[in-house]
Protein backbone atom coordinates (compact mmCIF):
# COMPACT_ATOMS: atom_id res chain seq x y z
CA UNK A 1 0.00 0.00 0.00
CA UNK A 2 1.42 3.38 -0.89
CA UNK A 3 0.67 6.32 1.36
CA UNK A 4 0.89 9.72 -0.36
CA UNK A 5 2.73 11.94 2.08
CA UNK A 6 4.36 11.49 5.44
CA UNK A 7 1.36 12.95 7.29
CA UNK A 8 -1.27 10.84 5.53
CA UNK A 9 -1.27 7.75 7.78
CA UNK A 10 -4.63 7.19 9.49
CA UNK A 11 -4.51 5.08 12.67
CA UNK A 12 -7.73 3.28 11.70
CA UNK A 13 -5.85 1.76 8.75
CA UNK A 14 -4.26 -0.71 11.15
CA UNK A 15 -7.43 -2.76 10.63
CA UNK A 16 -6.35 -3.42 7.03
CA UNK A 17 -3.25 -5.19 8.30
CA UNK A 18 -4.64 -7.25 11.21
CA UNK A 19 -4.26 -10.51 9.31
CA UNK A 20 -0.52 -10.13 8.76
CA UNK A 21 2.21 -11.26 11.15
CA UNK A 22 4.64 -8.63 9.84
CA UNK A 23 4.06 -5.46 7.83
CA UNK A 24 7.15 -3.96 6.25
CA UNK A 25 7.02 -0.17 6.18
CA UNK A 26 9.55 1.26 3.73
CA UNK A 27 10.22 4.85 4.73
CA UNK A 28 12.08 7.72 3.14
CA UNK A 29 15.43 8.51 4.74
CA UNK A 30 14.49 11.97 6.00
CA UNK A 31 12.84 13.51 9.05
CA UNK A 32 9.32 13.26 7.60
CA UNK A 33 9.88 9.64 6.60
CA UNK A 34 11.08 8.69 10.08
CA UNK A 35 8.12 10.51 11.66
CA UNK A 36 5.82 8.58 9.32
CA UNK A 37 7.41 5.31 10.42
CA UNK A 38 6.88 6.23 14.06
CA UNK A 39 3.22 7.06 13.40
CA UNK A 40 2.64 3.70 11.71
CA UNK A 41 4.47 1.82 14.46
CA UNK A 42 2.31 3.49 17.12
CA UNK A 43 -0.88 2.11 15.57
CA UNK A 44 0.39 -1.15 14.08
CA UNK A 45 2.10 -3.66 16.39
CA UNK A 46 3.34 -5.77 13.49
CA UNK A 47 5.11 -2.91 11.69
CA UNK A 48 8.75 -3.40 10.82
CA UNK A 49 10.30 -0.10 9.76
CA UNK A 50 12.78 -0.29 6.88
CA UNK A 51 14.47 3.06 6.15
CA UNK A 52 15.64 3.55 2.57
CA UNK A 53 19.28 4.57 2.75
CA UNK A 54 19.88 7.88 0.99
CA UNK A 55 16.36 8.72 -0.17
CA UNK A 56 13.13 6.97 -1.06
CA UNK A 57 12.26 3.51 -2.37
CA UNK A 58 12.49 4.55 -6.02
CA UNK A 59 15.94 6.13 -5.69
CA UNK A 60 17.14 3.13 -3.68
CA UNK A 61 16.04 0.68 -6.39
CA UNK A 62 17.48 2.84 -9.18
CA UNK A 63 20.85 3.03 -7.42
CA UNK A 64 21.13 -0.47 -5.96
CA UNK A 65 18.63 -2.64 -7.85
CA UNK A 66 15.61 -4.72 -6.85
CA UNK A 67 17.69 -7.51 -5.27
CA UNK A 68 19.26 -4.99 -2.90
CA UNK A 69 15.76 -3.83 -1.93
CA UNK A 70 14.77 -7.42 -1.20
CA UNK A 71 17.92 -7.80 0.90
CA UNK A 72 17.21 -4.58 2.78
CA UNK A 73 13.69 -5.77 3.60
CA UNK A 74 15.12 -9.10 4.79
CA UNK A 75 17.52 -7.31 7.13
CA UNK A 76 20.66 -7.48 5.03
CA UNK A 77 22.59 -4.33 4.30
CA UNK A 78 24.48 -3.45 1.17
CA UNK A 79 27.94 -4.91 0.57
CA UNK A 80 30.52 -2.81 2.39
CA UNK A 81 28.10 -0.77 4.50
CA UNK A 82 28.60 -2.66 7.75
CA UNK A 83 24.94 -3.75 7.90
CA UNK A 84 25.37 -7.22 6.42
CA UNK A 85 24.32 -10.11 8.63
PDB file of N, CA and C in Angstrom:
ATOM      1  N   UNK A   1       0.853  -1.160   0.000  1.00  0.00           N
ATOM      2  CA  UNK A   1       0.000   0.000   0.000  1.00  0.00           C
ATOM      3  C   UNK A   1       0.901   1.225   0.000  1.00  0.00           C
ATOM      4  N   UNK A   2       0.680   2.130  -0.879  1.00  0.00           N
ATOM      5  CA  UNK A   2       1.423   3.385  -0.893  1.00  0.00           C
ATOM      6  C   UNK A   2       0.633   4.453  -0.161  1.00  0.00           C
ATOM      7  N   UNK A   3       1.319   5.236   0.627  1.00  0.00           N
ATOM      8  CA  UNK A   3       0.672   6.317   1.363  1.00  0.00           C
ATOM      9  C   UNK A   3       1.248   7.626   0.840  1.00  0.00           C
ATOM     10  N   UNK A   4       0.407   8.479   0.249  1.00  0.00           N
ATOM     11  CA  UNK A   4       0.892   9.719  -0.358  1.00  0.00           C
ATOM     12  C   UNK A   4       1.156  10.815   0.668  1.00  0.00           C
ATOM     13  N   UNK A   5       2.368  10.890   1.136  1.00  0.00           N
ATOM     14  CA  UNK A   5       2.731  11.938   2.083  1.00  0.00           C
ATOM     15  C   UNK A   5       2.947  11.406   3.479  1.00  0.00           C
ATOM     16  N   UNK A   6       3.951  11.967   4.120  1.00  0.00           N
ATOM     17  CA  UNK A   6       4.356  11.494   5.442  1.00  0.00           C
ATOM     18  C   UNK A   6       3.290  11.717   6.508  1.00  0.00           C
ATOM     19  N   UNK A   7       2.394  12.656   6.289  1.00  0.00           N
ATOM     20  CA  UNK A   7       1.364  12.953   7.291  1.00  0.00           C
ATOM     21  C   UNK A   7       0.020  12.319   6.961  1.00  0.00           C
ATOM     22  N   UNK A   8      -0.007  11.408   6.007  1.00  0.00           N
ATOM     23  CA  UNK A   8      -1.272  10.842   5.532  1.00  0.00           C
ATOM     24  C   UNK A   8      -1.748   9.612   6.299  1.00  0.00           C
ATOM     25  N   UNK A   9      -0.893   8.985   7.090  1.00  0.00           N
ATOM     26  CA  UNK A   9      -1.273   7.751   7.784  1.00  0.00           C
ATOM     27  C   UNK A   9      -2.455   8.005   8.705  1.00  0.00           C
ATOM     28  N   UNK A  10      -3.468   7.130   8.618  1.00  0.00           N
ATOM     29  CA  UNK A  10      -4.632   7.191   9.488  1.00  0.00           C
ATOM     30  C   UNK A  10      -4.598   5.978  10.423  1.00  0.00           C
ATOM     31  N   UNK A  11      -4.603   6.198  11.733  1.00  0.00           N
ATOM     32  CA  UNK A  11      -4.506   5.079  12.671  1.00  0.00           C
ATOM     33  C   UNK A  11      -5.529   3.968  12.438  1.00  0.00           C
ATOM     34  N   UNK A  12      -6.707   4.300  11.938  1.00  0.00           N
ATOM     35  CA  UNK A  12      -7.733   3.283  11.698  1.00  0.00           C
ATOM     36  C   UNK A  12      -7.294   2.290  10.619  1.00  0.00           C
ATOM     37  N   UNK A  13      -6.330   2.655   9.802  1.00  0.00           N
ATOM     38  CA  UNK A  13      -5.852   1.764   8.745  1.00  0.00           C
ATOM     39  C   UNK A  13      -5.195   0.501   9.294  1.00  0.00           C
ATOM     40  N   UNK A  14      -4.860   0.505  10.583  1.00  0.00           N
ATOM     41  CA  UNK A  14      -4.265  -0.710  11.153  1.00  0.00           C
ATOM     42  C   UNK A  14      -5.183  -1.919  10.951  1.00  0.00           C
ATOM     43  N   UNK A  15      -6.476  -1.666  10.838  1.00  0.00           N
ATOM     44  CA  UNK A  15      -7.433  -2.759  10.629  1.00  0.00           C
ATOM     45  C   UNK A  15      -7.188  -3.491   9.310  1.00  0.00           C
ATOM     46  N   UNK A  16      -6.649  -2.798   8.323  1.00  0.00           N
ATOM     47  CA  UNK A  16      -6.353  -3.422   7.029  1.00  0.00           C
ATOM     48  C   UNK A  16      -5.238  -4.455   7.128  1.00  0.00           C
ATOM     49  N   UNK A  17      -4.435  -4.354   8.177  1.00  0.00           N
ATOM     50  CA  UNK A  17      -3.247  -5.191   8.295  1.00  0.00           C
ATOM     51  C   UNK A  17      -3.329  -6.214   9.424  1.00  0.00           C
ATOM     52  N   UNK A  18      -4.483  -6.337  10.072  1.00  0.00           N
ATOM     53  CA  UNK A  18      -4.642  -7.248  11.209  1.00  0.00           C
ATOM     54  C   UNK A  18      -4.255  -8.685  10.892  1.00  0.00           C
ATOM     55  N   UNK A  19      -4.488  -9.110   9.674  1.00  0.00           N
ATOM     56  CA  UNK A  19      -4.265 -10.514   9.314  1.00  0.00           C
ATOM     57  C   UNK A  19      -2.801 -10.864   9.082  1.00  0.00           C
ATOM     58  N   UNK A  20      -1.923  -9.876   9.081  1.00  0.00           N
ATOM     59  CA  UNK A  20      -0.519 -10.130   8.756  1.00  0.00           C
ATOM     60  C   UNK A  20       0.352 -10.180  10.010  1.00  0.00           C
ATOM     61  N   UNK A  21       1.279 -11.135  10.030  1.00  0.00           N
ATOM     62  CA  UNK A  21       2.211 -11.255  11.153  1.00  0.00           C
ATOM     63  C   UNK A  21       3.230 -10.126  11.158  1.00  0.00           C
ATOM     64  N   UNK A  22       3.655  -9.704   9.976  1.00  0.00           N
ATOM     65  CA  UNK A  22       4.639  -8.631   9.841  1.00  0.00           C
ATOM     66  C   UNK A  22       4.235  -7.742   8.678  1.00  0.00           C
ATOM     67  N   UNK A  23       4.312  -6.436   8.892  1.00  0.00           N
ATOM     68  CA  UNK A  23       4.058  -5.463   7.833  1.00  0.00           C
ATOM     69  C   UNK A  23       5.325  -4.636   7.683  1.00  0.00           C
ATOM     70  N   UNK A  24       5.931  -4.706   6.517  1.00  0.00           N
ATOM     71  CA  UNK A  24       7.151  -3.957   6.247  1.00  0.00           C
ATOM     72  C   UNK A  24       6.771  -2.551   5.798  1.00  0.00           C
ATOM     73  N   UNK A  25       7.312  -1.561   6.478  1.00  0.00           N
ATOM     74  CA  UNK A  25       7.018  -0.167   6.178  1.00  0.00           C
ATOM     75  C   UNK A  25       8.306   0.467   5.664  1.00  0.00           C
ATOM     76  N   UNK A  26       8.363   0.698   4.361  1.00  0.00           N
ATOM     77  CA  UNK A  26       9.548   1.264   3.728  1.00  0.00           C
ATOM     78  C   UNK A  26       9.427   2.777   3.776  1.00  0.00           C
ATOM     79  N   UNK A  27      10.327   3.412   4.520  1.00  0.00           N
ATOM     80  CA  UNK A  27      10.220   4.855   4.734  1.00  0.00           C
ATOM     81  C   UNK A  27      11.354   5.597   4.048  1.00  0.00           C
ATOM     82  N   UNK A  28      11.057   6.843   3.682  1.00  0.00           N
ATOM     83  CA  UNK A  28      12.083   7.724   3.139  1.00  0.00           C
ATOM     84  C   UNK A  28      13.105   8.030   4.227  1.00  0.00           C
ATOM     85  N   UNK A  29      14.338   8.254   3.805  1.00  0.00           N
ATOM     86  CA  UNK A  29      15.433   8.514   4.741  1.00  0.00           C
ATOM     87  C   UNK A  29      15.553  10.009   5.018  1.00  0.00           C
ATOM     88  N   UNK A  30      14.483  10.569   5.591  1.00  0.00           N
ATOM     89  CA  UNK A  30      14.493  11.968   6.002  1.00  0.00           C
ATOM     90  C   UNK A  30      13.624  12.102   7.254  1.00  0.00           C
ATOM     91  N   UNK A  31      13.577  13.302   7.802  1.00  0.00           N
ATOM     92  CA  UNK A  31      12.841  13.509   9.048  1.00  0.00           C
ATOM     93  C   UNK A  31      11.366  13.124   8.897  1.00  0.00           C
ATOM     94  N   UNK A  32      10.741  13.570   7.812  1.00  0.00           N
ATOM     95  CA  UNK A  32       9.324  13.264   7.596  1.00  0.00           C
ATOM     96  C   UNK A  32       9.101  11.757   7.458  1.00  0.00           C
ATOM     97  N   UNK A  33       9.997  11.083   6.764  1.00  0.00           N
ATOM     98  CA  UNK A  33       9.880   9.637   6.604  1.00  0.00           C
ATOM     99  C   UNK A  33       9.982   8.906   7.928  1.00  0.00           C
ATOM    100  N   UNK A  34      10.917   9.335   8.765  1.00  0.00           N
ATOM    101  CA  UNK A  34      11.078   8.689  10.075  1.00  0.00           C
ATOM    102  C   UNK A  34       9.875   8.976  10.977  1.00  0.00           C
ATOM    103  N   UNK A  35       9.322  10.191  10.884  1.00  0.00           N
ATOM    104  CA  UNK A  35       8.117  10.506  11.658  1.00  0.00           C
ATOM    105  C   UNK A  35       6.937   9.661  11.183  1.00  0.00           C
ATOM    106  N   UNK A  36       6.856   9.445   9.871  1.00  0.00           N
ATOM    107  CA  UNK A  36       5.816   8.577   9.316  1.00  0.00           C
ATOM    108  C   UNK A  36       5.957   7.165   9.883  1.00  0.00           C
ATOM    109  N   UNK A  37       7.165   6.646   9.880  1.00  0.00           N
ATOM    110  CA  UNK A  37       7.411   5.312  10.421  1.00  0.00           C
ATOM    111  C   UNK A  37       6.996   5.197  11.873  1.00  0.00           C
ATOM    112  N   UNK A  38       7.278   6.232  12.651  1.00  0.00           N
ATOM    113  CA  UNK A  38       6.883   6.226  14.063  1.00  0.00           C
ATOM    114  C   UNK A  38       5.364   6.228  14.202  1.00  0.00           C
ATOM    115  N   UNK A  39       4.685   7.002  13.346  1.00  0.00           N
ATOM    116  CA  UNK A  39       3.218   7.059  13.398  1.00  0.00           C
ATOM    117  C   UNK A  39       2.611   5.696  13.076  1.00  0.00           C
ATOM    118  N   UNK A  40       3.146   5.031  12.068  1.00  0.00           N
ATOM    119  CA  UNK A  40       2.639   3.704  11.709  1.00  0.00           C
ATOM    120  C   UNK A  40       2.905   2.719  12.846  1.00  0.00           C
ATOM    121  N   UNK A  41       4.102   2.748  13.390  1.00  0.00           N
ATOM    122  CA  UNK A  41       4.475   1.819  14.458  1.00  0.00           C
ATOM    123  C   UNK A  41       3.605   2.006  15.703  1.00  0.00           C
ATOM    124  N   UNK A  42       3.174   3.242  15.965  1.00  0.00           N
ATOM    125  CA  UNK A  42       2.305   3.490  17.125  1.00  0.00           C
ATOM    126  C   UNK A  42       0.943   2.807  16.977  1.00  0.00           C
ATOM    127  N   UNK A  43       0.458   2.679  15.750  1.00  0.00           N
ATOM    128  CA  UNK A  43      -0.879   2.107  15.570  1.00  0.00           C
ATOM    129  C   UNK A  43      -0.871   0.683  15.015  1.00  0.00           C
ATOM    130  N   UNK A  44       0.309   0.166  14.702  1.00  0.00           N
ATOM    131  CA  UNK A  44       0.392  -1.153  14.081  1.00  0.00           C
ATOM    132  C   UNK A  44       1.507  -1.952  14.743  1.00  0.00           C
ATOM    133  N   UNK A  45       1.129  -2.869  15.625  1.00  0.00           N
ATOM    134  CA  UNK A  45       2.104  -3.662  16.388  1.00  0.00           C
ATOM    135  C   UNK A  45       3.043  -4.476  15.508  1.00  0.00           C
ATOM    136  N   UNK A  46       2.563  -4.882  14.350  1.00  0.00           N
ATOM    137  CA  UNK A  46       3.335  -5.773  13.491  1.00  0.00           C
ATOM    138  C   UNK A  46       4.243  -5.027  12.508  1.00  0.00           C
ATOM    139  N   UNK A  47       4.303  -3.706  12.623  1.00  0.00           N
ATOM    140  CA  UNK A  47       5.110  -2.911  11.691  1.00  0.00           C
ATOM    141  C   UNK A  47       6.599  -3.156  11.898  1.00  0.00           C
ATOM    142  N   UNK A  48       7.289  -3.345  10.806  1.00  0.00           N
ATOM    143  CA  UNK A  48       8.750  -3.405  10.819  1.00  0.00           C
ATOM    144  C   UNK A  48       9.242  -2.290   9.906  1.00  0.00           C
ATOM    145  N   UNK A  49       9.869  -1.292  10.492  1.00  0.00           N
ATOM    146  CA  UNK A  49      10.298  -0.103   9.764  1.00  0.00           C
ATOM    147  C   UNK A  49      11.595  -0.397   9.021  1.00  0.00           C
ATOM    148  N   UNK A  50      11.611  -0.071   7.729  1.00  0.00           N
ATOM    149  CA  UNK A  50      12.784  -0.290   6.883  1.00  0.00           C
ATOM    150  C   UNK A  50      13.129   1.040   6.217  1.00  0.00           C
ATOM    151  N   UNK A  51      14.102   1.785   6.767  1.00  0.00           N
ATOM    152  CA  UNK A  51      14.474   3.057   6.146  1.00  0.00           C
ATOM    153  C   UNK A  51      15.257   2.833   4.853  1.00  0.00           C
ATOM    154  N   UNK A  52      14.936   3.622   3.845  1.00  0.00           N
ATOM    155  CA  UNK A  52      15.642   3.552   2.571  1.00  0.00           C
ATOM    156  C   UNK A  52      16.872   4.445   2.633  1.00  0.00           C
ATOM    157  N   UNK A  53      18.024   3.849   2.635  1.00  0.00           N
ATOM    158  CA  UNK A  53      19.285   4.570   2.748  1.00  0.00           C
ATOM    159  C   UNK A  53      19.425   5.579   1.618  1.00  0.00           C
ATOM    160  N   UNK A  54      19.576   6.854   1.975  1.00  0.00           N
ATOM    161  CA  UNK A  54      19.875   7.884   0.991  1.00  0.00           C
ATOM    162  C   UNK A  54      18.708   8.451   0.214  1.00  0.00           C
ATOM    163  N   UNK A  55      17.487   8.146   0.569  1.00  0.00           N
ATOM    164  CA  UNK A  55      16.365   8.715  -0.171  1.00  0.00           C
ATOM    165  C   UNK A  55      15.092   7.927   0.010  1.00  0.00           C
ATOM    166  N   UNK A  56      14.393   7.706  -1.108  1.00  0.00           N
ATOM    167  CA  UNK A  56      13.133   6.970  -1.059  1.00  0.00           C
ATOM    168  C   UNK A  56      13.288   5.613  -1.741  1.00  0.00           C
ATOM    169  N   UNK A  57      12.208   4.859  -1.802  1.00  0.00           N
ATOM    170  CA  UNK A  57      12.261   3.509  -2.371  1.00  0.00           C
ATOM    171  C   UNK A  57      12.709   3.552  -3.827  1.00  0.00           C
ATOM    172  N   UNK A  58      12.148   4.465  -4.601  1.00  0.00           N
ATOM    173  CA  UNK A  58      12.489   4.550  -6.017  1.00  0.00           C
ATOM    174  C   UNK A  58      13.974   4.829  -6.219  1.00  0.00           C
ATOM    175  N   UNK A  59      14.515   5.813  -5.516  1.00  0.00           N
ATOM    176  CA  UNK A  59      15.937   6.133  -5.686  1.00  0.00           C
ATOM    177  C   UNK A  59      16.817   4.984  -5.205  1.00  0.00           C
ATOM    178  N   UNK A  60      16.379   4.276  -4.171  1.00  0.00           N
ATOM    179  CA  UNK A  60      17.141   3.128  -3.682  1.00  0.00           C
ATOM    180  C   UNK A  60      17.212   2.043  -4.754  1.00  0.00           C
ATOM    181  N   UNK A  61      16.073   1.722  -5.358  1.00  0.00           N
ATOM    182  CA  UNK A  61      16.045   0.676  -6.389  1.00  0.00           C
ATOM    183  C   UNK A  61      16.841   1.105  -7.615  1.00  0.00           C
ATOM    184  N   UNK A  62      16.725   2.361  -8.017  1.00  0.00           N
ATOM    185  CA  UNK A  62      17.483   2.836  -9.177  1.00  0.00           C
ATOM    186  C   UNK A  62      18.986   2.749  -8.941  1.00  0.00           C
ATOM    187  N   UNK A  63      19.415   3.050  -7.722  1.00  0.00           N
ATOM    188  CA  UNK A  63      20.847   3.030  -7.418  1.00  0.00           C
ATOM    189  C   UNK A  63      21.382   1.626  -7.153  1.00  0.00           C
ATOM    190  N   UNK A  64      20.614   0.816  -6.439  1.00  0.00           N
ATOM    191  CA  UNK A  64      21.130  -0.469  -5.964  1.00  0.00           C
ATOM    192  C   UNK A  64      20.487  -1.696  -6.607  1.00  0.00           C
ATOM    193  N   UNK A  65      19.309  -1.531  -7.194  1.00  0.00           N
ATOM    194  CA  UNK A  65      18.631  -2.644  -7.850  1.00  0.00           C
ATOM    195  C   UNK A  65      17.601  -3.323  -6.968  1.00  0.00           C
ATOM    196  N   UNK A  66      16.691  -4.072  -7.599  1.00  0.00           N
ATOM    197  CA  UNK A  66      15.610  -4.725  -6.853  1.00  0.00           C
ATOM    198  C   UNK A  66      16.092  -5.803  -5.882  1.00  0.00           C
ATOM    199  N   UNK A  67      17.179  -6.483  -6.193  1.00  0.00           N
ATOM    200  CA  UNK A  67      17.688  -7.513  -5.272  1.00  0.00           C
ATOM    201  C   UNK A  67      18.193  -6.873  -3.980  1.00  0.00           C
ATOM    202  N   UNK A  68      18.796  -5.693  -4.097  1.00  0.00           N
ATOM    203  CA  UNK A  68      19.256  -4.987  -2.900  1.00  0.00           C
ATOM    204  C   UNK A  68      18.071  -4.567  -2.038  1.00  0.00           C
ATOM    205  N   UNK A  69      16.969  -4.182  -2.687  1.00  0.00           N
ATOM    206  CA  UNK A  69      15.763  -3.832  -1.930  1.00  0.00           C
ATOM    207  C   UNK A  69      15.247  -5.053  -1.178  1.00  0.00           C
ATOM    208  N   UNK A  70      15.203  -6.179  -1.855  1.00  0.00           N
ATOM    209  CA  UNK A  70      14.772  -7.421  -1.200  1.00  0.00           C
ATOM    210  C   UNK A  70      15.682  -7.738  -0.014  1.00  0.00           C
ATOM    211  N   UNK A  71      16.984  -7.570  -0.195  1.00  0.00           N
ATOM    212  CA  UNK A  71      17.924  -7.800   0.898  1.00  0.00           C
ATOM    213  C   UNK A  71      17.708  -6.840   2.052  1.00  0.00           C
ATOM    214  N   UNK A  72      17.448  -5.584   1.739  1.00  0.00           N
ATOM    215  CA  UNK A  72      17.208  -4.575   2.777  1.00  0.00           C
ATOM    216  C   UNK A  72      15.969  -4.950   3.592  1.00  0.00           C
ATOM    217  N   UNK A  73      14.923  -5.366   2.916  1.00  0.00           N
ATOM    218  CA  UNK A  73      13.694  -5.769   3.602  1.00  0.00           C
ATOM    219  C   UNK A  73      13.948  -6.992   4.483  1.00  0.00           C
ATOM    220  N   UNK A  74      14.798  -7.883   4.028  1.00  0.00           N
ATOM    221  CA  UNK A  74      15.119  -9.099   4.787  1.00  0.00           C
ATOM    222  C   UNK A  74      16.196  -8.879   5.842  1.00  0.00           C
ATOM    223  N   UNK A  75      16.588  -7.625   6.057  1.00  0.00           N
ATOM    224  CA  UNK A  75      17.518  -7.309   7.131  1.00  0.00           C
ATOM    225  C   UNK A  75      18.981  -7.370   6.761  1.00  0.00           C
ATOM    226  N   UNK A  76      19.262  -7.484   5.467  1.00  0.00           N
ATOM    227  CA  UNK A  76      20.658  -7.482   5.032  1.00  0.00           C
ATOM    228  C   UNK A  76      20.987  -6.100   4.488  1.00  0.00           C
ATOM    229  N   UNK A  77      22.143  -5.612   4.828  1.00  0.00           N
ATOM    230  CA  UNK A  77      22.585  -4.333   4.297  1.00  0.00           C
ATOM    231  C   UNK A  77      23.204  -4.502   2.930  1.00  0.00           C
ATOM    232  N   UNK A  78      23.770  -3.423   2.442  1.00  0.00           N
ATOM    233  CA  UNK A  78      24.476  -3.447   1.167  1.00  0.00           C
ATOM    234  C   UNK A  78      25.911  -3.886   1.394  1.00  0.00           C
ATOM    235  N   UNK A  79      26.532  -4.515   0.413  1.00  0.00           N
ATOM    236  CA  UNK A  79      27.939  -4.908   0.567  1.00  0.00           C
ATOM    237  C   UNK A  79      28.802  -3.702   0.932  1.00  0.00           C
ATOM    238  N   UNK A  80      29.597  -3.864   1.976  1.00  0.00           N
ATOM    239  CA  UNK A  80      30.519  -2.811   2.386  1.00  0.00           C
ATOM    240  C   UNK A  80      29.946  -1.732   3.277  1.00  0.00           C
ATOM    241  N   UNK A  81      28.663  -1.824   3.660  1.00  0.00           N
ATOM    242  CA  UNK A  81      28.098  -0.767   4.499  1.00  0.00           C
ATOM    243  C   UNK A  81      28.066  -1.110   5.981  1.00  0.00           C
ATOM    244  N   UNK A  82      28.560  -2.287   6.338  1.00  0.00           N
ATOM    245  CA  UNK A  82      28.603  -2.664   7.746  1.00  0.00           C
ATOM    246  C   UNK A  82      27.290  -3.190   8.284  1.00  0.00           C
ATOM    247  N   UNK A  83      26.237  -3.269   7.450  1.00  0.00           N
ATOM    248  CA  UNK A  83      24.935  -3.753   7.903  1.00  0.00           C
ATOM    249  C   UNK A  83      24.704  -5.210   7.564  1.00  0.00           C
ATOM    250  N   UNK A  84      25.590  -5.836   6.841  1.00  0.00           N
ATOM    251  CA  UNK A  84      25.370  -7.222   6.423  1.00  0.00           C
ATOM    252  C   UNK A  84      25.322  -8.148   7.621  1.00  0.00           C
ATOM    253  N   UNK A  85      24.422  -9.133   7.542  1.00  0.00           N
ATOM    254  CA  UNK A  85      24.315 -10.110   8.627  1.00  0.00           C
ATOM    255  C   UNK A  85      24.704 -11.470   8.140  1.00  0.00           C
TER     256      UNK A  85
END
